[in-house]
Amino acid sequence: MQTAFAVVALPVGLVLVAVSVVTAALYTPYTTSRVDTAITAFIGVTLQLGSLVATSAAVLFVFGSLG
């Protein structure tokens, strides 16, 4: 069960990070509108969640292989 989480979570986390990076690379906020704020928040949330999920899956792989 733990390996199933890691196998699914690692690609999901990496996709979230990739979406965040691509969005940040393609979108440049020019004003302080609500759309700019929402997109900036989306970038931050997806980057944080993607990093958390990918890192936890990688740690599970590493510690799972030790035992």
N, C-alpha and C. Protein backbone atom coordinates (compact mmCIF):
# COMPACT_ATOMS: atom_id res chain seq x y z
N MET A 1 0.81 -1.19 0.00
CA MET A 1 0.00 0.00 0.00
C MET A 1 0.86 1.26 0.00
N GLN A 2 1.92 1.23 0.77
CA GLN A 2 2.80 2.40 0.81
C GLN A 2 3.48 2.62 -0.53
N THR A 3 3.85 1.56 -1.19
CA THR A 3 4.49 1.70 -2.49
C THR A 3 3.50 2.22 -3.52
N ALA A 4 2.25 1.82 -3.42
CA ALA A 4 1.24 2.31 -4.34
C ALA A 4 1.08 3.83 -4.21
N PHE A 5 1.11 4.33 -2.97
CA PHE A 5 1.05 5.78 -2.77
C PHE A 5 2.23 6.46 -3.44
N ALA A 6 3.42 5.93 -3.24
CA ALA A 6 4.62 6.55 -3.80
C ALA A 6 4.61 6.51 -5.33
N VAL A 7 4.14 5.42 -5.89
CA VAL A 7 4.11 5.29 -7.35
C VAL A 7 3.14 6.29 -7.97
N VAL A 8 2.03 6.53 -7.31
CA VAL A 8 1.04 7.48 -7.82
C VAL A 8 1.41 8.92 -7.46
N ALA A 9 1.90 9.12 -6.25
CA ALA A 9 2.15 10.47 -5.75
C ALA A 9 3.34 11.14 -6.42
N LEU A 10 4.37 10.40 -6.74
CA LEU A 10 5.54 11.02 -7.35
C LEU A 10 5.23 11.68 -8.68
N PRO A 11 4.58 11.00 -9.62
CA PRO A 11 4.23 11.69 -10.87
C PRO A 11 3.23 12.83 -10.67
N VAL A 12 2.29 12.66 -9.75
CA VAL A 12 1.33 13.72 -9.48
C VAL A 12 2.04 14.96 -8.96
N GLY A 13 2.96 14.77 -8.03
CA GLY A 13 3.73 15.89 -7.50
C GLY A 13 4.58 16.56 -8.56
N LEU A 14 5.20 15.77 -9.39
CA LEU A 14 6.04 16.33 -10.45
C LEU A 14 5.20 17.09 -11.48
N VAL A 15 4.00 16.59 -11.77
CA VAL A 15 3.12 17.30 -12.70
C VAL A 15 2.67 18.64 -12.10
N LEU A 16 2.36 18.65 -10.80
CA LEU A 16 1.98 19.90 -10.15
C LEU A 16 3.11 20.92 -10.20
N VAL A 17 4.32 20.47 -9.93
CA VAL A 17 5.47 21.37 -10.00
C VAL A 17 5.66 21.87 -11.44
N ALA A 18 5.53 20.98 -12.41
CA ALA A 18 5.70 21.38 -13.80
C ALA A 18 4.63 22.38 -14.23
N VAL A 19 3.39 22.17 -13.82
CA VAL A 19 2.32 23.12 -14.15
C VAL A 19 2.62 24.48 -13.54
N SER A 20 3.09 24.48 -12.31
CA SER A 20 3.43 25.74 -11.65
C SER A 20 4.56 26.46 -12.36
N VAL A 21 5.59 25.74 -12.71
CA VAL A 21 6.75 26.36 -13.38
C VAL A 21 6.37 26.89 -14.76
N VAL A 22 5.62 26.11 -15.51
CA VAL A 22 5.20 26.55 -16.85
C VAL A 22 4.28 27.77 -16.76
N THR A 23 3.36 27.74 -15.80
CA THR A 23 2.48 28.89 -15.62
C THR A 23 3.27 30.14 -15.25
N ALA A 24 4.23 29.97 -14.36
CA ALA A 24 5.05 31.12 -13.95
C ALA A 24 5.90 31.63 -15.11
N ALA A 25 6.36 30.73 -15.97
CA ALA A 25 7.19 31.14 -17.11
C ALA A 25 6.36 31.85 -18.18
N LEU A 26 5.12 31.43 -18.34
CA LEU A 26 4.29 31.98 -19.41
C LEU A 26 3.51 33.23 -19.00
N TYR A 27 3.24 33.38 -17.73
CA TYR A 27 2.38 34.47 -17.29
C TYR A 27 3.18 35.48 -16.48
N THR A 28 3.14 36.71 -16.91
CA THR A 28 3.79 37.80 -16.18
C THR A 28 2.72 38.80 -15.77
N PRO A 29 2.55 38.98 -14.46
CA PRO A 29 1.54 39.95 -14.03
C PRO A 29 2.01 41.38 -14.29
N TYR A 30 1.13 42.19 -14.83
CA TYR A 30 1.46 43.58 -15.15
C TYR A 30 0.76 44.58 -14.24
N THR A 31 -0.34 44.16 -13.65
CA THR A 31 -1.10 45.06 -12.79
C THR A 31 -1.36 44.37 -11.46
N THR A 32 -2.14 45.01 -10.63
CA THR A 32 -2.53 44.40 -9.35
C THR A 32 -3.99 43.99 -9.38
N SER A 33 -4.42 43.41 -10.47
CA SER A 33 -5.82 43.00 -10.59
C SER A 33 -6.06 41.70 -9.83
N ARG A 34 -7.32 41.36 -9.70
CA ARG A 34 -7.67 40.12 -9.01
C ARG A 34 -7.25 38.89 -9.81
N VAL A 35 -7.25 39.02 -11.12
CA VAL A 35 -6.81 37.91 -11.97
C VAL A 35 -5.33 37.64 -11.74
N ASP A 36 -4.53 38.71 -11.69
CA ASP A 36 -3.10 38.53 -11.43
C ASP A 36 -2.86 37.92 -10.06
N THR A 37 -3.62 38.37 -9.09
CA THR A 37 -3.49 37.82 -7.74
C THR A 37 -3.89 36.36 -7.70
N ALA A 38 -4.96 36.01 -8.39
CA ALA A 38 -5.42 34.62 -8.41
C ALA A 38 -4.41 33.71 -9.11
N ILE A 39 -3.85 34.16 -10.21
CA ILE A 39 -2.87 33.34 -10.92
C ILE A 39 -1.59 33.20 -10.11
N THR A 40 -1.17 34.26 -9.45
CA THR A 40 0.01 34.18 -8.60
C THR A 40 -0.23 33.22 -7.43
N ALA A 41 -1.43 33.26 -6.85
CA ALA A 41 -1.77 32.34 -5.77
C ALA A 41 -1.80 30.90 -6.29
N PHE A 42 -2.35 30.70 -7.49
CA PHE A 42 -2.38 29.36 -8.09
C PHE A 42 -0.96 28.83 -8.27
N ILE A 43 -0.06 29.67 -8.75
CA ILE A 43 1.33 29.25 -8.94
C ILE A 43 1.94 28.84 -7.60
N GLY A 44 1.72 29.65 -6.57
CA GLY A 44 2.30 29.34 -5.27
C GLY A 44 1.74 28.08 -4.66
N VAL A 45 0.42 27.90 -4.75
CA VAL A 45 -0.20 26.72 -4.16
C VAL A 45 0.22 25.46 -4.89
N THR A 46 0.21 25.48 -6.21
CA THR A 46 0.60 24.27 -6.95
C THR A 46 2.07 23.94 -6.73
N LEU A 47 2.91 24.95 -6.62
CA LEU A 47 4.33 24.69 -6.36
C LEU A 47 4.52 24.08 -4.97
N GLN A 48 3.85 24.61 -3.97
CA GLN A 48 3.99 24.08 -2.61
C GLN A 48 3.43 22.66 -2.51
N LEU A 49 2.23 22.44 -3.05
CA LEU A 49 1.63 21.10 -2.98
C LEU A 49 2.43 20.08 -3.79
N GLY A 50 2.87 20.48 -4.96
CA GLY A 50 3.66 19.57 -5.78
C GLY A 50 4.96 19.19 -5.11
N SER A 51 5.62 20.17 -4.50
CA SER A 51 6.87 19.89 -3.80
C SER A 51 6.64 18.96 -2.61
N LEU A 52 5.57 19.22 -1.87
CA LEU A 52 5.25 18.38 -0.71
C LEU A 52 4.97 16.94 -1.12
N VAL A 53 4.14 16.77 -2.13
CA VAL A 53 3.76 15.42 -2.56
C VAL A 53 4.95 14.68 -3.17
N ALA A 54 5.70 15.34 -4.03
CA ALA A 54 6.84 14.69 -4.67
C ALA A 54 7.93 14.34 -3.65
N THR A 55 8.17 15.24 -2.72
CA THR A 55 9.19 14.97 -1.70
C THR A 55 8.77 13.84 -0.78
N SER A 56 7.51 13.83 -0.37
CA SER A 56 7.07 12.74 0.50
C SER A 56 7.11 11.39 -0.22
N ALA A 57 6.79 11.37 -1.50
CA ALA A 57 6.87 10.12 -2.26
C ALA A 57 8.31 9.67 -2.42
N ALA A 58 9.22 10.61 -2.67
CA ALA A 58 10.64 10.24 -2.81
C ALA A 58 11.20 9.72 -1.49
N VAL A 59 10.81 10.35 -0.38
CA VAL A 59 11.27 9.88 0.93
C VAL A 59 10.70 8.49 1.21
N LEU A 60 9.46 8.26 0.83
CA LEU A 60 8.87 6.93 1.03
C LEU A 60 9.60 5.87 0.21
N PHE A 61 10.01 6.20 -1.02
CA PHE A 61 10.80 5.28 -1.83
C PHE A 61 12.13 4.97 -1.15
N VAL A 62 12.81 6.00 -0.67
CA VAL A 62 14.14 5.82 -0.08
C VAL A 62 14.05 4.99 1.19
N PHE A 63 13.16 5.38 2.11
CA PHE A 63 13.06 4.66 3.37
C PHE A 63 12.41 3.29 3.19
N GLY A 64 11.58 3.14 2.18
CA GLY A 64 11.00 1.83 1.90
C GLY A 64 12.02 0.85 1.37
N SER A 65 13.01 1.35 0.64
CA SER A 65 14.05 0.48 0.12
C SER A 65 15.08 0.09 1.18
N LEU A 66 15.13 0.82 2.28
CA LEU A 66 16.07 0.50 3.35
C LEU A 66 15.62 -0.71 4.17
N GLY A 67 14.33 -0.90 4.25
CA GLY A 67 13.79 -1.95 5.15
C GLY A 67 13.51 -3.19 4.47
